[in-house]
Structure formats: structure tokens, C-alpha cells
Amino acid sequence: MNPTIHHHGARHGVTGSCHQLFVEGDNSFLIDCGLFQGTETAPDGRAGADRLDIDFPIAGIGALVLTHVHIDHCGRLPWLLAAGFKGPILCSEPSARLLPTVLADAFQVGVSRDRAMVERYLDMVEPRIRALPYGKWHTIYRSAGATCRIRLQRAGHILGSAYVECELSGAAWPDKRRVIFSGDLGAPHAPLLPAPRPPWQADVLVLETTYGDRQHEDRRNRRKRLQAVVERALEDGGTVIIPAFSIGRTQELLYEFEDILHTERQRPGKHADKWAGLKIFLDSPLAQRFTELYRALQPFWDAEARARVRAGRQPLSYDQLVAIDTHERHLANVQRLARSREPAIVIAASGMCAGGRVVNYLKAMLGDPRHDVLFVGYQARGTPGHAIQTYGPRGGYVELDGERIDIRAGVHSMSGYSAHADQADLTRFVTRMRHLPGEVRLVHGEDEVRAAFARHLGAATAGKVRIVA
């Protein structure tokens, strides 16, 4: 008998992740409680972006386990607390360091910018955060009839990300049951992060499928393509605008650009002089704070990144990296780069172009063919980023702040920098278990993607696994 799992989000899309595992009677816990984004829907099929209230009973929910700190996995926490949740918030040690900054920003964007209210909110949340080490079991429920333990394992998605192993035992579960929630799985060869390793076994696996219908481009060669896009801008005297999430993707890009700059100094190419004078603008105060936290969390970096530090390099802090802090400096930088012929790279949030400082760069530069927009992450349907990515290569337009902008800038997409596993990675996560799971529930993917991956995984496991799409 498999345990009961209710999916309160990320069931028919890739945002709003929220899953409830029942242990004994009404006693349960949540894995993630994230915001819906774009036009993706809540479980009842209505548009989810404005559906913030917790519409399920919380009386028996004893804990919230966070797989990582992206907003589509933790952003509904204020509404969960408002509904009366009083349990602990369990996450990995790096996530525990990153979470207060994420929550403060989300509260300011979605609830109130009043400083006193933000501080009261954090004073309520921070004492509940419990940091768990990777790879060690932690009991979160025990009664006369049942016990539930969880164990976090590295997921390789962003720093601190984890997949969650849950073990149910006791009189209610005479045959122990192992349930695994993948969270968001990362791809091999991601900068800064060790690759995720498949678990030993699972009775039920709840698996993300964001890119379950496709293969990413060769990640070993992605840096060459990144360099090629930038070198076009070096020749055109334009700006490469990279919309990026403040946590995860931004730090990986900074890491990659440092390596390009280092290599051009050691083995100069034909653009070496231009690389030497190129400025990389990090125009996001939030991304700057996360980058500082990333630097403080070096013990959790992968071996390659730590070796660079030992060699005297600074992968996330170097001379050509320029942080734009104030709004006035931001506006001045937009105007200067739009009007001059100074080549530059700008990394700014939001990652799906739905708001934030990147919108001002896009409004000023999308109409000029000298400039380029480079997408390195998933663009949810209904977001401006998805519109630019879809219609930009066709000479289309996008609406930003109610203004129609014709797209003449170059538009590039690089799936090799995706923080998500692709079809092959997801398949290996299942098939390389020592014992195949009895059931795989596919979530966190668009309907047609989940259906495609279900067919693929069914063939890969020769029909030995029950697949619920």
C-alpha cells in the first residue's frame, strides 16, 4: 500500500510546487509551498498567479520541508503562516542561510514594503527554520503507530537544493515505504555544484519533468557558445542582456565569465583585447546579496570551484564585474549603454522579464539590432520572457509596462545553462537506482511534456514501473 499524496501545485505546470504526504490519519507534512507564475494554473484550473490563499486544510500539517529557495517552491509561505501553520521549516544548511533573504524580498514584492512589517515577518519565520545536514536521517513524526524520517540529498539545482527521501515505518506501515520528492533536479556539469546522485531505492518517486521532452545542448561546449554570443556584441558595439534569476543562474554565469576572462588572459584569442576591457554589470541588489552569500558558502561548492579559489582566483568577485546598486545608477547605466557603442554584458532580474530592472534595459534596447538578449533559463508561458523568446526571432513584438516594443535585437536561448535536468538526466535518475521504484508520479511539467516523458520512461523501464502522468 502506497501512502496518500496530495498535489497542491506544480501538477499541470512548472510553478507553484506544493505536495502533501500523509503519514498517519490526518497527520502529514508539506514538501514546498511555492508561488504560481505566468499563466500557469492552480489545482482547480483557474489562473494561479493571483491565487495565494492556502485552499487546503492545514490542521494536521506538522512541518514544511523545502527542497530549495526558489520562489516557486517557497513563495507562499506568508499565506501558509496566515492560514495558521505553526510547524518547523526544514531545509538544507545552505538553504537555511539563503532563505531569510529570499523571504524578505518575496514579502516586499507580494505583501508589503513596510520595513517594520518585513522585520516582524522574519522574526516570526527565522526561529522556525531548521537546518539539516545532507545525507543524515531526521525524524519528523513519531507516534505509537507510525514513524516518518526524512533525509536530504544534494539535487544539484542551486546551492542548497535537495531531493527528499521519506521513510514511513511502524504499525501503520509494517512494510516500510520509501517516498522520494525530487524537487528540482540539476544537470551534470553545472558550475559550482556537485551533480545529483540517484537514490538507492524508492517505492514512490515524485519526479519533476520541466524538460522531460528534450535534451539540452552539450553542456561541455556551452561556454564556447556563451563566448560566441558575447563576441558578436563586442564586434557590434552592443549590450548582451541576460535576464537571470537572482539566485543560482546569476552566480553560475559570473563563474563562467570569470573563466572566459582568465582563459583569454592565459591564451589570448582574436577578441582578447576587447574581453580585457569588457564590463560585466550585475544590476540587481538582490543578486548581489545572494552572490555574497554564495561566497560565504564555499564549503558547499564542488571540487573544481574550490580548487580555483585555492589557486588564487575569485570566481564570483573580479575587477571587471561592476555592481549597480542604486536606482539612479541603474537608470543612468541603461541610458548610457543604449546610446553609446560600448560593448557590455548586463545580468539583471527578473529571470522571466516579468518585472525588475531588466525591463528597463529591454524597453531601451529591444528595438536596436546592435543589442542581444540571451535566455539561459526556462520562460513560463504568459511571461514577457516567453513572448520575447518565441516571437523575437520572427521579428515580432512584446508588451512591456503596457507599451508595444518591436523586437529587432538578437534573441538567443541556451538550454545548456538550464538549472534543470533534461530528459536523459531524469531517465538516469530513475534507471540508475539499485531498485527501480514501483511508482513514478510526474509533476512540475506542462501536460504535453509530462505525457511525452511518461512514454519515454515507460520504454526505458520496459514497463516495469507504474507511471502516473
Protein backbone atom coordinates (compact mmCIF):
# COMPACT_ATOMS: atom_id res chain seq x y z
CA MET A 1 0.00 0.00 0.00
CA ASN A 2 1.39 3.35 -1.02
CA PRO A 3 0.89 6.43 1.14
CA THR A 4 -1.50 9.21 0.18
CA ILE A 5 0.00 12.24 -1.56
CA HIS A 6 -1.95 15.36 -2.44
CA HIS A 7 -0.53 17.74 -5.04
CA HIS A 8 -1.48 21.37 -4.36
CA GLY A 9 0.66 22.87 -7.12
CA ALA A 10 3.09 22.10 -9.95
CA ARG A 11 0.70 19.39 -11.10
CA HIS A 12 -0.18 20.86 -14.51
CA GLY A 13 2.70 23.34 -14.86
CA VAL A 14 6.19 24.08 -13.62
CA THR A 15 5.48 26.56 -10.82
CA GLY A 16 3.59 26.60 -7.53
CA SER A 17 5.27 23.45 -6.22
CA CYS A 18 3.43 22.10 -3.16
CA HIS A 19 2.92 18.46 -2.17
CA GLN A 20 1.43 16.91 0.96
CA LEU A 21 2.47 13.48 2.25
CA PHE A 22 0.13 11.82 4.76
CA VAL A 23 1.82 9.71 7.42
CA GLU A 24 -0.98 8.61 9.76
CA GLY A 25 -4.61 9.72 9.58
CA ASP A 26 -4.64 13.48 9.05
CA ASN A 27 -1.03 13.83 10.21
CA SER A 28 1.07 14.97 7.29
CA PHE A 29 3.76 17.37 6.15
CA LEU A 30 4.33 19.59 3.13
CA ILE A 31 7.13 19.46 0.63
CA ASP A 32 7.45 23.03 -0.70
CA CYS A 33 4.83 25.78 -0.81
CA GLY A 34 5.60 27.92 -3.87
CA LEU A 35 4.08 30.70 -5.93
CA PHE A 36 2.42 30.19 -9.29
CA GLN A 37 3.95 32.27 -12.08
CA GLY A 38 2.82 33.41 -15.50
CA THR A 39 -0.47 31.98 -16.75
CA GLU A 40 0.00 28.60 -15.09
CA THR A 41 -2.95 27.35 -13.13
CA ALA A 42 -3.83 26.45 -9.60
CA PRO A 43 -5.09 22.90 -8.94
CA ASP A 44 -8.70 23.89 -9.70
CA GLY A 45 -7.73 25.02 -13.20
CA ARG A 46 -8.08 28.76 -12.63
CA ALA A 47 -5.23 31.19 -13.24
CA GLY A 48 -2.80 30.69 -10.40
CA ALA A 49 -0.63 33.81 -10.33
CA ASP A 50 -3.11 35.63 -8.08
CA ARG A 51 -4.20 32.52 -6.17
CA LEU A 52 -2.23 32.96 -2.99
CA ASP A 53 -4.57 31.70 -0.29
CA ILE A 54 -3.99 28.23 1.09
CA ASP A 55 -7.11 26.36 -0.04
CA PHE A 56 -6.50 23.07 1.75
CA PRO A 57 -6.82 22.10 5.45
CA ILE A 58 -3.62 22.58 7.43
CA ALA A 59 -4.65 21.29 10.85
CA GLY A 60 -2.64 18.08 10.57
CA ILE A 61 0.41 19.51 8.79
CA GLY A 62 3.32 19.17 11.18
CA ALA A 63 6.21 20.54 9.13
CA LEU A 64 7.21 22.20 5.88
CA VAL A 65 10.20 20.71 4.07
CA LEU A 66 11.76 22.99 1.44
CA THR A 67 13.70 21.43 -1.42
CA HIS A 68 15.28 24.80 -2.26
CA VAL A 69 14.69 28.53 -2.01
CA HIS A 70 13.41 29.49 -5.47
CA ILE A 71 10.20 31.47 -5.13
CA ASP A 72 8.06 28.92 -6.97
CA HIS A 73 8.94 26.49 -4.18
CA CYS A 74 8.76 28.70 -1.07
CA GLY A 75 6.92 31.90 -2.02
CA ARG A 76 3.51 31.11 -0.50
CA LEU A 77 4.96 30.81 2.99
CA PRO A 78 3.35 34.10 4.21
CA TRP A 79 -0.08 32.74 3.26
CA LEU A 80 0.69 29.38 4.87
CA LEU A 81 1.53 31.17 8.12
CA ALA A 82 -1.58 33.34 7.82
CA ALA A 83 -3.64 30.15 7.48
CA GLY A 84 -2.34 29.06 10.87
CA PHE A 85 0.67 26.84 10.15
CA LYS A 86 2.87 26.67 13.25
CA GLY A 87 5.34 23.91 12.44
CA PRO A 88 9.07 23.99 11.69
CA ILE A 89 10.57 24.78 8.27
CA LEU A 90 13.16 22.14 7.41
CA CYS A 91 15.80 22.62 4.71
CA SER A 92 19.49 22.10 3.97
CA GLU A 93 22.20 24.13 5.69
CA PRO A 94 22.90 26.39 2.67
CA SER A 95 19.16 26.92 2.12
CA ALA A 96 18.80 27.97 5.75
CA ARG A 97 21.39 30.71 5.13
CA LEU A 98 19.72 31.85 1.88
CA LEU A 99 16.08 31.58 2.91
CA PRO A 100 15.66 34.75 5.04
CA THR A 101 16.89 36.94 2.17
CA VAL A 102 14.54 35.18 -0.28
CA LEU A 103 11.57 35.50 2.05
CA ALA A 104 12.20 39.16 2.82
CA ASP A 105 12.32 40.01 -0.87
CA ALA A 106 9.20 37.97 -1.66
CA PHE A 107 7.33 39.62 1.20
CA GLN A 108 8.29 43.09 -0.06
CA VAL A 109 7.15 42.25 -3.59
CA GLY A 110 3.97 40.38 -2.74
CA VAL A 111 2.76 41.76 0.61
CA SER A 112 4.29 44.98 1.87
CA ARG A 113 7.45 47.04 1.62
CA ASP A 114 6.94 48.43 5.11
CA ARG A 115 10.23 47.73 6.85
CA ALA A 116 8.65 47.11 10.24
CA MET A 117 6.26 44.54 8.76
CA VAL A 118 9.09 42.76 6.94
CA GLU A 119 11.10 42.56 10.15
CA ARG A 120 8.12 41.23 12.12
CA TYR A 121 7.59 38.61 9.44
CA LEU A 122 11.22 37.49 9.58
CA ASP A 123 11.14 37.48 13.39
CA MET A 124 8.25 35.03 13.12
CA VAL A 125 9.83 32.85 10.43
CA GLU A 126 13.53 32.64 11.30
CA PRO A 127 13.13 30.80 14.64
CA ARG A 128 11.24 28.06 12.78
CA ILE A 129 13.99 27.35 10.25
CA ARG A 130 15.80 24.10 10.99
CA ALA A 131 18.97 23.37 9.03
CA LEU A 132 19.50 19.69 8.25
CA PRO A 133 22.83 18.26 7.05
CA TYR A 134 22.84 16.36 3.79
CA GLY A 135 22.77 12.58 3.99
CA LYS A 136 21.52 12.16 7.58
CA TRP A 137 18.13 10.88 8.70
CA HIS A 138 15.91 13.18 10.75
CA THR A 139 12.68 12.04 12.45
CA ILE A 140 9.83 14.47 11.82
CA TYR A 141 6.91 12.35 13.11
CA ARG A 142 6.63 9.62 15.71
CA SER A 143 3.59 8.07 17.40
CA ALA A 144 2.67 4.67 18.77
CA GLY A 145 1.57 3.66 15.29
CA ALA A 146 3.92 5.32 12.84
CA THR A 147 7.30 6.95 12.34
CA CYS A 148 8.45 9.17 9.50
CA ARG A 149 12.08 10.06 8.85
CA ILE A 150 13.44 12.29 6.11
CA ARG A 151 16.87 12.61 4.57
CA LEU A 152 18.07 15.39 2.27
CA GLN A 153 20.36 14.60 -0.65
CA ARG A 154 22.08 17.06 -2.99
CA ALA A 155 19.95 17.86 -6.03
CA GLY A 156 22.45 19.99 -7.99
CA HIS A 157 19.85 22.63 -8.98
CA ILE A 158 21.02 25.65 -6.99
CA LEU A 159 23.20 25.92 -3.91
CA GLY A 160 21.37 24.19 -1.08
CA SER A 161 18.89 22.34 -3.29
CA ALA A 162 17.88 18.86 -2.16
CA TYR A 163 15.72 15.95 -3.02
CA VAL A 164 13.85 14.49 -0.06
CA GLU A 165 13.82 10.83 0.95
CA CYS A 166 10.92 9.95 3.26
CA GLU A 167 10.78 6.64 5.15
CA LEU A 168 7.48 5.50 6.71
CA SER A 169 7.56 2.69 9.28
CA GLY A 170 5.76 1.38 12.38
CA ALA A 171 2.50 -0.46 12.93
CA ALA A 172 0.75 1.67 10.29
CA TRP A 173 3.49 0.74 7.84
CA PRO A 174 4.57 -2.85 8.67
CA ASP A 175 6.29 -2.90 5.29
CA LYS A 176 8.47 0.21 5.29
CA ARG A 177 7.71 2.61 2.48
CA ARG A 178 10.24 4.93 0.88
CA VAL A 179 8.83 8.02 -0.85
CA ILE A 180 11.12 10.45 -2.68
CA PHE A 181 10.32 14.00 -3.79
CA SER A 182 12.82 15.13 -6.40
CA GLY A 183 12.28 18.87 -6.02
CA ASP A 184 14.13 20.41 -8.96
CA LEU A 185 16.99 18.22 -10.15
CA GLY A 186 20.05 19.85 -11.63
CA ALA A 187 22.07 18.90 -14.66
CA PRO A 188 25.57 17.42 -14.64
CA HIS A 189 28.48 19.79 -15.20
CA ALA A 190 26.65 22.76 -13.65
CA PRO A 191 29.13 25.41 -12.41
CA LEU A 192 29.76 25.41 -8.66
CA LEU A 193 27.52 22.41 -7.86
CA PRO A 194 28.15 18.68 -7.49
CA ALA A 195 25.91 16.59 -9.76
CA PRO A 196 22.97 14.81 -8.09
CA ARG A 197 23.32 11.09 -7.45
CA PRO A 198 20.31 8.78 -7.78
CA PRO A 199 18.92 7.25 -4.58
CA TRP A 200 19.29 3.57 -3.78
CA GLN A 201 15.58 2.80 -3.97
CA ALA A 202 12.04 4.18 -3.77
CA ASP A 203 8.56 2.76 -3.57
CA VAL A 204 7.12 6.04 -4.87
CA LEU A 205 9.07 8.75 -6.69
CA VAL A 206 7.52 12.19 -7.25
CA LEU A 207 9.62 13.45 -10.15
CA GLU A 208 9.91 16.86 -11.83
CA THR A 209 9.66 16.92 -15.64
CA THR A 210 10.37 20.53 -16.62
CA TYR A 211 12.49 19.42 -19.58
CA GLY A 212 11.17 15.88 -19.82
CA ASP A 213 10.62 16.08 -23.59
CA ARG A 214 14.01 17.38 -24.73
CA GLN A 215 17.76 17.19 -24.47
CA HIS A 216 19.85 20.19 -23.52
CA GLU A 217 22.63 21.18 -25.85
CA ASP A 218 26.05 19.79 -24.98
CA ARG A 219 26.85 21.32 -21.62
CA ARG A 220 30.57 20.73 -22.09
CA ASN A 221 30.52 23.18 -25.02
CA ARG A 222 28.06 25.71 -23.64
CA ARG A 223 30.82 28.09 -22.57
CA LYS A 224 32.00 28.30 -26.20
CA ARG A 225 28.54 29.32 -27.33
CA LEU A 226 28.22 31.81 -24.49
CA GLN A 227 31.53 33.32 -25.57
CA ALA A 228 30.40 33.42 -29.21
CA VAL A 229 27.22 35.36 -28.38
CA VAL A 230 29.20 37.91 -26.39
CA GLU A 231 31.84 38.28 -29.10
CA ARG A 232 29.15 39.23 -31.59
CA ALA A 233 28.29 42.10 -29.27
CA LEU A 234 31.95 43.00 -28.97
CA GLU A 235 32.02 43.45 -32.75
CA ASP A 236 28.69 45.31 -32.94
CA GLY A 237 29.29 47.62 -30.01
CA GLY A 238 26.15 46.37 -28.29
CA THR A 239 24.97 45.06 -24.95
CA VAL A 240 24.15 41.46 -24.15
CA ILE A 241 21.17 41.49 -21.80
CA ILE A 242 20.84 38.34 -19.73
CA PRO A 243 17.62 38.06 -17.71
CA ALA A 244 18.58 35.84 -14.81
CA PHE A 245 17.17 34.68 -11.52
CA SER A 246 18.97 36.38 -8.65
CA ILE A 247 19.92 33.09 -7.09
CA GLY A 248 21.57 30.23 -8.91
CA ARG A 249 21.77 31.23 -12.53
CA THR A 250 23.41 34.59 -11.84
CA GLN A 251 26.22 33.03 -9.82
CA GLU A 252 26.80 30.33 -12.45
CA LEU A 253 27.10 32.98 -15.17
CA LEU A 254 29.53 35.07 -13.12
CA TYR A 255 31.58 31.92 -12.61
CA GLU A 256 31.63 31.15 -16.34
CA PHE A 257 32.55 34.72 -17.33
CA GLU A 258 35.44 34.69 -14.87
CA ASP A 259 36.74 31.55 -16.54
CA ILE A 260 36.48 33.12 -20.02
CA LEU A 261 38.35 36.22 -18.83
CA HIS A 262 41.01 34.03 -17.18
CA THR A 263 41.43 31.91 -20.32
CA GLU A 264 41.67 34.99 -22.60
CA ARG A 265 44.49 36.28 -20.41
CA GLN A 266 46.31 32.96 -20.40
CA ARG A 267 45.71 32.02 -24.07
CA PRO A 268 44.62 35.15 -25.92
CA GLY A 269 42.17 34.79 -28.81
CA LYS A 270 41.35 37.34 -31.51
CA HIS A 271 38.99 39.21 -29.17
CA ALA A 272 41.31 39.12 -26.16
CA ASP A 273 41.85 42.90 -26.09
CA LYS A 274 38.10 43.54 -26.13
CA TRP A 275 37.50 40.96 -23.42
CA ALA A 276 40.13 42.68 -21.33
CA GLY A 277 38.13 45.92 -21.38
CA LEU A 278 34.66 44.41 -21.17
CA LYS A 279 32.48 45.33 -18.20
CA ILE A 280 30.04 42.82 -16.75
CA PHE A 281 27.27 44.68 -14.96
CA LEU A 282 25.41 42.91 -12.19
CA ASP A 283 22.34 45.14 -11.94
CA SER A 284 20.37 43.56 -9.12
CA PRO A 285 20.82 44.40 -5.44
CA LEU A 286 19.19 41.09 -4.55
CA ALA A 287 21.55 39.12 -6.80
CA GLN A 288 24.46 40.96 -5.19
CA ARG A 289 23.32 39.84 -1.73
CA PHE A 290 22.95 36.25 -2.91
CA THR A 291 26.38 36.35 -4.53
CA GLU A 292 27.87 37.42 -1.19
CA LEU A 293 26.08 34.51 0.48
CA TYR A 294 27.33 32.13 -2.20
CA ARG A 295 30.88 33.28 -1.48
CA ALA A 296 30.32 32.65 2.23
CA LEU A 297 29.09 29.12 1.45
CA GLN A 298 32.24 27.95 -0.37
CA PRO A 299 32.40 24.67 1.62
CA PHE A 300 29.32 23.58 -0.35
CA TRP A 301 30.84 24.35 -3.77
CA ASP A 302 32.07 21.49 -5.94
CA ALA A 303 35.71 20.42 -6.05
CA GLU A 304 36.54 22.34 -9.25
CA ALA A 305 35.28 25.65 -7.87
CA ARG A 306 37.12 25.20 -4.57
CA ALA A 307 40.32 24.40 -6.49
CA ARG A 308 40.05 27.71 -8.37
CA VAL A 309 39.84 29.55 -5.07
CA ARG A 310 42.93 27.72 -3.78
CA ALA A 311 44.72 28.80 -6.97
CA GLY A 312 44.11 32.43 -6.05
CA ARG A 313 41.18 33.09 -8.38
CA GLN A 314 37.94 34.79 -7.35
CA PRO A 315 35.16 33.11 -9.35
CA LEU A 316 32.41 35.39 -8.02
CA SER A 317 34.35 38.62 -7.47
CA TYR A 318 36.71 40.13 -10.03
CA ASP A 319 37.77 43.53 -11.33
CA GLN A 320 35.60 43.60 -14.46
CA LEU A 321 32.47 42.78 -12.50
CA VAL A 322 30.59 46.00 -11.73
CA ALA A 323 27.71 46.02 -9.25
CA ILE A 324 24.93 48.54 -9.84
CA ASP A 325 23.31 49.32 -6.53
CA THR A 326 21.08 52.42 -6.54
CA HIS A 327 18.10 53.02 -8.80
CA GLU A 328 19.72 56.23 -10.04
CA ARG A 329 22.86 54.40 -11.14
CA HIS A 330 20.67 51.77 -12.79
CA LEU A 331 18.76 54.33 -14.88
CA ALA A 332 21.98 56.08 -15.85
CA ASN A 333 23.53 52.78 -16.93
CA VAL A 334 20.51 51.93 -19.08
CA GLN A 335 20.68 55.25 -20.92
CA ARG A 336 24.46 55.17 -21.36
CA LEU A 337 24.57 51.64 -22.78
CA ALA A 338 21.56 52.24 -25.03
CA ARG A 339 23.12 55.33 -26.60
CA SER A 340 26.83 54.51 -26.66
CA ARG A 341 28.68 51.90 -28.65
CA GLU A 342 30.31 50.48 -25.56
CA PRO A 343 30.05 46.69 -25.55
CA ALA A 344 28.86 45.28 -22.26
CA ILE A 345 27.17 42.40 -20.53
CA VAL A 346 24.23 43.09 -18.21
CA ILE A 347 22.85 40.45 -15.86
CA ALA A 348 19.59 41.63 -14.30
CA ALA A 349 16.42 40.23 -12.80
CA SER A 350 13.75 39.10 -13.22
CA GLY A 351 14.58 35.86 -14.95
CA MET A 352 11.30 35.77 -16.91
CA CYS A 353 11.27 39.54 -17.62
CA ALA A 354 8.06 39.94 -15.62
CA GLY A 355 9.42 42.88 -13.65
CA GLY A 356 12.57 44.26 -12.10
CA ARG A 357 15.43 46.18 -13.61
CA VAL A 358 15.81 44.02 -16.71
CA VAL A 359 12.57 45.52 -18.07
CA ASN A 360 14.17 48.97 -18.39
CA TYR A 361 17.07 47.53 -20.39
CA LEU A 362 14.66 45.67 -22.66
CA LYS A 363 12.48 48.73 -23.27
CA ALA A 364 15.56 50.77 -24.17
CA MET A 365 17.36 48.18 -26.31
CA LEU A 366 14.98 45.61 -27.83
CA GLY A 367 14.36 47.85 -30.82
CA ASP A 368 18.07 48.15 -31.73
CA PRO A 369 19.77 45.30 -33.69
CA ARG A 370 23.14 46.14 -32.11
CA HIS A 371 21.97 44.53 -28.88
CA ASP A 372 21.26 40.95 -27.94
CA VAL A 373 19.05 39.18 -25.40
CA LEU A 374 20.31 35.86 -24.10
CA PHE A 375 17.95 33.50 -22.28
CA VAL A 376 19.64 30.86 -20.16
CA GLY A 377 16.61 29.67 -18.18
CA TYR A 378 13.05 28.44 -18.51
CA GLN A 379 10.45 31.01 -19.62
CA ALA A 380 6.96 30.15 -18.33
CA ARG A 381 4.00 30.67 -20.63
CA GLY A 382 2.37 34.04 -20.19
CA THR A 383 5.56 35.83 -19.16
CA PRO A 384 7.24 38.57 -21.25
CA GLY A 385 10.33 36.40 -21.43
CA HIS A 386 8.36 33.65 -23.15
CA ALA A 387 6.96 36.18 -25.65
CA ILE A 388 10.42 37.60 -26.46
CA GLN A 389 11.88 34.11 -26.78
CA THR A 390 9.02 32.92 -29.02
CA TYR A 391 8.35 35.95 -31.22
CA GLY A 392 11.67 37.80 -31.20
CA PRO A 393 13.37 35.52 -33.77
CA ARG A 394 10.35 36.09 -36.07
CA GLY A 395 10.60 39.87 -35.89
CA GLY A 396 7.64 40.10 -33.54
CA TYR A 397 6.90 42.31 -30.58
CA VAL A 398 6.34 42.20 -26.83
CA GLU A 399 4.33 44.32 -24.45
CA LEU A 400 6.28 45.74 -21.52
CA ASP A 401 4.57 48.03 -18.99
CA GLY A 402 1.69 48.38 -21.42
CA GLU A 403 3.97 49.51 -24.25
CA ARG A 404 4.39 47.59 -27.51
CA ILE A 405 8.08 47.05 -28.26
CA ASP A 406 9.16 45.76 -31.67
CA ILE A 407 11.96 43.23 -31.30
CA ARG A 408 14.96 43.94 -33.52
CA ALA A 409 17.67 42.87 -31.09
CA GLY A 410 19.16 39.41 -31.46
CA VAL A 411 17.42 36.78 -29.34
CA HIS A 412 19.32 33.68 -28.23
CA SER A 413 18.37 30.75 -25.99
CA MET A 414 20.89 28.40 -24.42
CA SER A 415 19.39 25.33 -22.80
CA GLY A 416 22.86 24.16 -21.81
CA TYR A 417 22.72 26.58 -18.89
CA SER A 418 19.41 25.28 -17.64
CA ALA A 419 19.47 24.51 -13.95
CA HIS A 420 17.10 21.60 -14.63
CA ALA A 421 17.88 18.06 -15.65
CA ASP A 422 16.87 17.16 -19.20
CA GLN A 423 15.13 14.02 -20.45
CA ALA A 424 18.27 11.89 -20.34
CA ASP A 425 19.23 13.12 -16.85
CA LEU A 426 15.74 12.46 -15.49
CA THR A 427 15.74 9.00 -17.02
CA ARG A 428 19.11 8.16 -15.48
CA PHE A 429 17.87 9.36 -12.09
CA VAL A 430 15.25 6.60 -12.25
CA THR A 431 17.04 3.79 -14.07
CA ARG A 432 20.28 4.07 -12.09
CA MET A 433 18.54 3.33 -8.81
CA ARG A 434 19.66 -0.02 -7.44
CA HIS A 435 15.99 -0.99 -7.21
CA LEU A 436 13.52 0.58 -9.63
CA PRO A 437 10.64 2.46 -7.98
CA GLY A 438 7.24 0.82 -8.01
CA GLU A 439 5.52 4.06 -8.95
CA VAL A 440 6.69 7.34 -10.50
CA ARG A 441 4.42 10.38 -10.29
CA LEU A 442 5.30 13.04 -12.81
CA VAL A 443 4.88 16.67 -11.73
CA HIS A 444 6.41 20.08 -12.39
CA GLY A 445 5.93 19.97 -16.14
CA GLU A 446 3.45 21.10 -18.77
CA ASP A 447 0.83 18.48 -19.65
CA GLU A 448 2.26 17.58 -23.05
CA VAL A 449 5.78 17.38 -21.61
CA ARG A 450 4.73 15.03 -18.83
CA ALA A 451 2.90 12.85 -21.36
CA ALA A 452 5.97 12.69 -23.60
CA PHE A 453 8.25 11.82 -20.69
CA ALA A 454 5.82 9.17 -19.45
CA ARG A 455 6.06 7.40 -22.82
CA HIS A 456 9.84 7.73 -22.83
CA LEU A 457 10.27 6.49 -19.26
CA GLY A 458 7.87 3.61 -19.85
CA ALA A 459 10.04 2.43 -22.72
CA ALA A 460 13.26 2.99 -20.75
CA THR A 461 12.00 0.87 -17.84
CA ALA A 462 10.41 -1.78 -20.10
CA GLY A 463 7.04 -1.25 -18.45
CA LYS A 464 8.31 -2.33 -15.01
CA VAL A 465 7.35 0.96 -13.36
CA ARG A 466 3.84 2.32 -12.87
CA ILE A 467 3.91 5.86 -14.25
CA VAL A 468 1.30 8.44 -13.26
CA ALA A 469 1.37 11.50 -15.50
